[in-house]
Structures are given as structure tokens and as C-alpha cells.
Amino acid sequence: MFAVDDVLISDAVLDAPFACHLPQCLGGCCVHGDHGAPLEPDERERLEAALPIVERKLWQEALEVIARKGVWIEEEPGKCGTTVVAGRECVFVTYDKAVAKCAHQQAYNVGRLEFEKPISCHRYPLHVEIHGTGSEAIEVLNYEQIRLRKPAIKNGRRTDTQLADFLRKPLSRKYGPGWYTRFQETVKSRSDTFPLTFNSDNRALSRSARRR
């Protein structure tokens, strides 16, 4: 792992082709999983305020869940997430034929909302873990190449897009443009210093220090 200011980032992002490709993945990140999108404390009120604007786009079963449970739930003490339908879709999912899309993102794209979507969704596929509390808390950003992400990985290779570049907007939104610039510089420096080594199947094994 490496650090940028007070944030630790997995070395897996150093060589990670990634670019979302909805025609292939069908918006699976909004559907698959047992929990809704993790929320920052201020995002709960933002979701509630946005509901009158996006609710006409939501399907009936989602509206019924919202009527019973609200737009977010506390999954465990101090950790909240968006409500889900039948343990799958986020309640803010809408469907364009077979493709799952975010009602917030759609409203934001046409200027009806200033709040784009929860930062955990925007920052996908990075997942955050918090270690410690208060001023001693450290954020850790992790990335795994799971099956759900294969279309985006393939599209990243095709378009020559790295995850570190693909996430410019959400990482700048969360940590600031200055942090993102330092992140990019660190990724480049570390990639040059610690190139990937491969096994006989051309699968990445680890990074070893480049001899100078």
C-alpha cells in the first residue's frame, strides 16, 4: 500500500485498467450485493431532500420500501446505507430496458439536482475502510478485480484507461483537486519504481523494486 496525506491506497490501483461499460455490465454495481451504498453523515439528508425530485422515476416496489423504511437505514451502529429492495437493488435504481441506472445521476445530468450521488457510488470500484476513530482515523482505499468488474476491466484495456484516471472526478470531489494531483504523481512514481512481475500465465504476482 501507499499513502497520500492521511489516506492509504492499495497497490492494486497501480496497474488497473478500468472504464465502466454499461452495455456489458448492465449497471450491476447498483444491483448486486446484500447492502445499499454506504453513506457519509451529510448524505442522508441529501437523499431525503432529493426524493421529491427523483421519486417519479422509481419503480413501485422501491416506493413501497421507501414508504416503510425510508431512503436510508442504519445497518450497524454508526454505519448507514441506502435502502434496498428485496436484498438486491438500491431503491434509487431505475431501469432503461435491461440497464440499471441511478435516479440521482440522471437528475443531476439534466440539472435537476446538485447532489450527483453518494460518494461511495461515485468512487466505485474503490471501497473504503476506516481504521481508528476521531482525529486518529485513517481511510484505506481497496480495490479487487472481481467478476462483476470484468466488463469495465476489459473496456479499460480497450480504451487505455487506468482506474486512477477514471476516478479523477470522484476522488477530487472527496479529497480535493490538490490531493488528486498528489495521488496521480504518487501512482506514476510508484508504478515506475515497482513494476509488476508475472507468472507463466501472464498473471500479475507482485511488484519488485526496479534495479537502477
Protein backbone atom coordinates (compact mmCIF):
# COMPACT_ATOMS: atom_id res chain seq x y z
CA MET A 1 0.00 0.00 0.00
CA PHE A 2 1.00 3.63 -0.28
CA ALA A 3 -0.13 6.84 1.40
CA VAL A 4 -1.30 10.17 0.06
CA ASP A 5 -1.64 12.50 3.03
CA ASP A 6 -3.79 10.58 5.55
CA VAL A 7 -5.27 8.13 3.05
CA LEU A 8 -3.81 4.65 2.40
CA ILE A 9 -4.36 3.17 -1.06
CA SER A 10 -3.97 -0.40 -2.27
CA ASP A 11 -1.13 -1.09 -4.71
CA ALA A 12 -3.76 -2.81 -6.86
CA VAL A 13 -4.59 0.60 -8.40
CA LEU A 14 -1.07 0.99 -9.82
CA ASP A 15 -1.84 -1.06 -12.92
CA ALA A 16 -5.61 -1.33 -13.10
CA PRO A 17 -7.34 -0.81 -16.45
CA PHE A 18 -10.91 0.23 -15.72
CA ALA A 19 -13.68 2.11 -17.54
CA CYS A 20 -17.38 1.48 -16.92
CA HIS A 21 -19.20 -0.11 -19.86
CA LEU A 22 -22.94 -0.18 -19.19
CA PRO A 23 -23.93 -2.22 -22.28
CA GLN A 24 -21.87 -5.11 -20.85
CA CYS A 25 -22.17 -4.78 -17.06
CA LEU A 26 -25.83 -3.59 -17.16
CA GLY A 27 -25.27 -1.42 -14.08
CA GLY A 28 -24.60 -4.44 -11.89
CA CYS A 29 -22.91 -2.37 -9.17
CA CYS A 30 -26.32 -0.81 -8.36
CA VAL A 31 -28.00 -4.20 -8.09
CA HIS A 32 -25.68 -6.89 -6.73
CA GLY A 33 -24.85 -7.09 -3.05
CA ASP A 34 -26.55 -7.52 0.30
CA HIS A 35 -26.38 -3.88 1.39
CA GLY A 36 -27.08 -0.46 -0.05
CA ALA A 37 -24.50 2.19 -0.83
CA PRO A 38 -22.54 3.30 2.27
CA LEU A 39 -23.38 6.89 3.18
CA GLU A 40 -21.47 9.84 4.61
CA PRO A 41 -23.32 11.51 7.52
CA ASP A 42 -24.45 14.53 5.46
CA GLU A 43 -25.64 12.37 2.58
CA ARG A 44 -28.64 11.05 4.49
CA GLU A 45 -30.33 14.47 4.46
CA ARG A 46 -29.35 14.97 0.83
CA LEU A 47 -31.10 11.74 -0.16
CA GLU A 48 -34.23 12.74 1.75
CA ALA A 49 -34.27 16.19 0.15
CA ALA A 50 -33.82 14.70 -3.33
CA LEU A 51 -36.66 12.18 -3.02
CA PRO A 52 -39.46 14.52 -4.26
CA ILE A 53 -37.39 15.19 -7.38
CA VAL A 54 -36.49 11.60 -8.26
CA GLU A 55 -39.42 9.58 -6.93
CA ARG A 56 -41.41 9.77 -10.17
CA LYS A 57 -38.59 7.78 -11.81
CA LEU A 58 -38.64 4.99 -9.21
CA TRP A 59 -40.49 1.73 -9.65
CA GLN A 60 -43.45 0.84 -7.47
CA GLU A 61 -41.75 -1.77 -5.30
CA ALA A 62 -38.99 0.70 -4.44
CA LEU A 63 -41.55 3.34 -3.46
CA GLU A 64 -43.27 0.84 -1.19
CA VAL A 65 -39.96 0.01 0.52
CA ILE A 66 -39.23 3.72 0.96
CA ALA A 67 -42.68 4.26 2.48
CA ARG A 68 -41.95 1.57 5.07
CA LYS A 69 -38.25 2.09 5.77
CA GLY A 70 -37.19 5.44 4.34
CA VAL A 71 -34.39 6.09 1.86
CA TRP A 72 -31.59 5.01 4.21
CA ILE A 73 -31.10 2.62 7.10
CA GLU A 74 -28.57 2.20 9.87
CA GLU A 75 -27.03 -1.18 9.08
CA GLU A 76 -24.93 -1.20 12.24
CA PRO A 77 -24.08 1.46 14.84
CA GLY A 78 -22.55 4.43 13.05
CA LYS A 79 -22.83 2.88 9.56
CA CYS A 80 -25.68 3.81 7.26
CA GLY A 81 -26.55 2.87 3.70
CA THR A 82 -29.25 3.35 1.09
CA THR A 83 -32.29 1.13 1.48
CA VAL A 84 -32.51 -1.84 -0.88
CA VAL A 85 -35.35 -3.78 -2.47
CA ALA A 86 -35.54 -7.48 -1.64
CA GLY A 87 -31.89 -7.55 -0.58
CA ARG A 88 -30.71 -6.50 -4.05
CA GLU A 89 -31.34 -3.23 -5.88
CA CYS A 90 -30.78 0.14 -4.29
CA VAL A 91 -34.16 1.89 -4.01
CA PHE A 92 -32.86 4.63 -6.33
CA VAL A 93 -32.28 2.25 -9.24
CA THR A 94 -34.23 2.90 -12.41
CA TYR A 95 -34.17 0.68 -15.48
CA ASP A 96 -33.50 1.65 -19.08
CA LYS A 97 -34.50 -1.64 -20.69
CA ALA A 98 -32.08 -4.10 -19.03
CA VAL A 99 -29.63 -1.48 -17.77
CA ALA A 100 -29.81 -0.36 -14.14
CA LYS A 101 -29.18 3.37 -13.69
CA CYS A 102 -29.11 5.79 -10.76
CA ALA A 103 -32.07 8.17 -10.44
CA HIS A 104 -29.84 10.74 -8.74
CA GLN A 105 -27.25 10.60 -11.52
CA GLN A 106 -29.94 11.04 -14.16
CA ALA A 107 -31.46 14.05 -12.37
CA TYR A 108 -28.01 15.56 -11.88
CA ASN A 109 -27.15 15.11 -15.56
CA VAL A 110 -30.13 17.26 -16.62
CA GLY A 111 -29.59 19.91 -13.95
CA ARG A 112 -32.44 18.93 -11.60
CA LEU A 113 -30.13 18.04 -8.69
CA GLU A 114 -26.86 19.46 -7.38
CA PHE A 115 -26.14 16.23 -5.50
CA GLU A 116 -24.79 13.74 -8.03
CA LYS A 117 -24.92 10.56 -5.94
CA PRO A 118 -23.34 9.12 -2.76
CA ILE A 119 -19.57 9.35 -2.88
CA SER A 120 -19.26 5.59 -2.30
CA CYS A 121 -21.11 5.03 -5.60
CA HIS A 122 -19.13 7.72 -7.40
CA ARG A 123 -15.82 6.28 -6.15
CA TYR A 124 -16.68 2.70 -7.20
CA PRO A 125 -14.89 0.27 -7.54
CA LEU A 126 -12.76 1.53 -4.64
CA HIS A 127 -14.05 0.50 -1.22
CA VAL A 128 -13.14 2.41 1.91
CA GLU A 129 -12.32 1.04 5.35
CA ILE A 130 -11.87 3.29 8.36
CA HIS A 131 -9.25 2.32 10.94
CA GLY A 132 -9.21 4.18 14.24
CA THR A 133 -11.53 6.92 15.48
CA GLY A 134 -11.66 10.69 15.66
CA SER A 135 -8.54 12.58 14.67
CA GLU A 136 -6.60 9.28 14.61
CA ALA A 137 -8.85 7.71 11.95
CA ILE A 138 -7.20 6.57 8.72
CA GLU A 139 -9.02 5.82 5.49
CA VAL A 140 -7.92 2.81 3.47
CA LEU A 141 -8.97 2.51 -0.19
CA ASN A 142 -9.05 -1.07 -1.51
CA TYR A 143 -9.63 -2.49 -4.97
CA GLU A 144 -10.36 -6.07 -6.01
CA GLN A 145 -10.76 -7.45 -9.53
CA ILE A 146 -13.97 -9.43 -9.02
CA ARG A 147 -16.12 -10.97 -11.76
CA LEU A 148 -18.67 -8.13 -11.69
CA ARG A 149 -15.93 -5.73 -12.83
CA LYS A 150 -14.65 -7.75 -15.79
CA PRO A 151 -16.52 -5.68 -18.44
CA ALA A 152 -15.01 -2.47 -17.04
CA ILE A 153 -11.53 -4.00 -16.87
CA LYS A 154 -11.81 -5.19 -20.48
CA ASN A 155 -13.09 -1.76 -21.57
CA GLY A 156 -10.25 -0.08 -19.69
CA ARG A 157 -7.74 -2.14 -21.64
CA ARG A 158 -9.50 -1.36 -24.91
CA THR A 159 -9.60 2.40 -24.27
CA ASP A 160 -6.23 2.54 -22.46
CA THR A 161 -7.92 3.96 -19.34
CA GLN A 162 -6.43 3.39 -15.91
CA LEU A 163 -8.56 3.32 -12.75
CA ALA A 164 -6.54 6.22 -11.29
CA ASP A 165 -7.57 8.37 -14.27
CA PHE A 166 -11.15 7.09 -14.48
CA LEU A 167 -11.78 8.17 -10.86
CA ARG A 168 -10.44 11.73 -11.27
CA LYS A 169 -13.81 13.41 -10.63
CA PRO A 170 -14.97 11.42 -7.55
CA LEU A 171 -11.54 11.45 -5.90
CA SER A 172 -11.24 15.20 -6.48
CA ARG A 173 -14.76 15.63 -5.13
CA LYS A 174 -13.95 13.67 -1.98
CA TYR A 175 -10.39 14.73 -1.18
CA GLY A 176 -9.86 17.88 -3.27
CA PRO A 177 -8.02 18.61 -6.55
CA GLY A 178 -4.68 19.05 -4.77
CA TRP A 179 -4.94 15.61 -3.19
CA TYR A 180 -5.81 14.08 -6.54
CA THR A 181 -2.76 15.66 -8.17
CA ARG A 182 -0.53 14.21 -5.44
CA PHE A 183 -2.28 10.86 -5.87
CA GLN A 184 -1.55 10.81 -9.61
CA GLU A 185 2.08 11.77 -9.03
CA THR A 186 2.48 9.04 -6.43
CA VAL A 187 0.85 6.42 -8.66
CA LYS A 188 3.21 7.26 -11.52
CA SER A 189 6.30 7.31 -9.32
CA ARG A 190 5.40 4.05 -7.59
CA SER A 191 4.49 2.33 -10.87
CA ASP A 192 7.89 3.27 -12.31
CA THR A 193 9.73 2.12 -9.18
CA PHE A 194 7.83 -1.10 -8.52
CA PRO A 195 6.95 -2.77 -11.86
CA LEU A 196 4.69 -5.79 -11.88
CA THR A 197 6.19 -9.27 -12.14
CA PHE A 198 4.24 -12.01 -13.92
CA ASN A 199 3.90 -15.78 -13.75
CA SER A 200 3.89 -18.16 -16.73
CA ASP A 201 0.19 -17.42 -17.37
CA ASN A 202 0.94 -13.70 -17.62
CA ARG A 203 -0.90 -13.00 -14.37
CA ALA A 204 0.41 -10.30 -12.10
CA LEU A 205 2.07 -11.65 -8.98
CA SER A 206 3.71 -8.75 -7.16
CA ARG A 207 5.75 -5.61 -7.51
CA SER A 208 9.50 -5.67 -7.06
CA ALA A 209 11.85 -2.72 -6.75
CA ARG A 210 13.42 -1.80 -10.08
CA ARG A 211 17.18 -2.05 -10.06
CA ARG A 212 18.85 1.19 -11.02
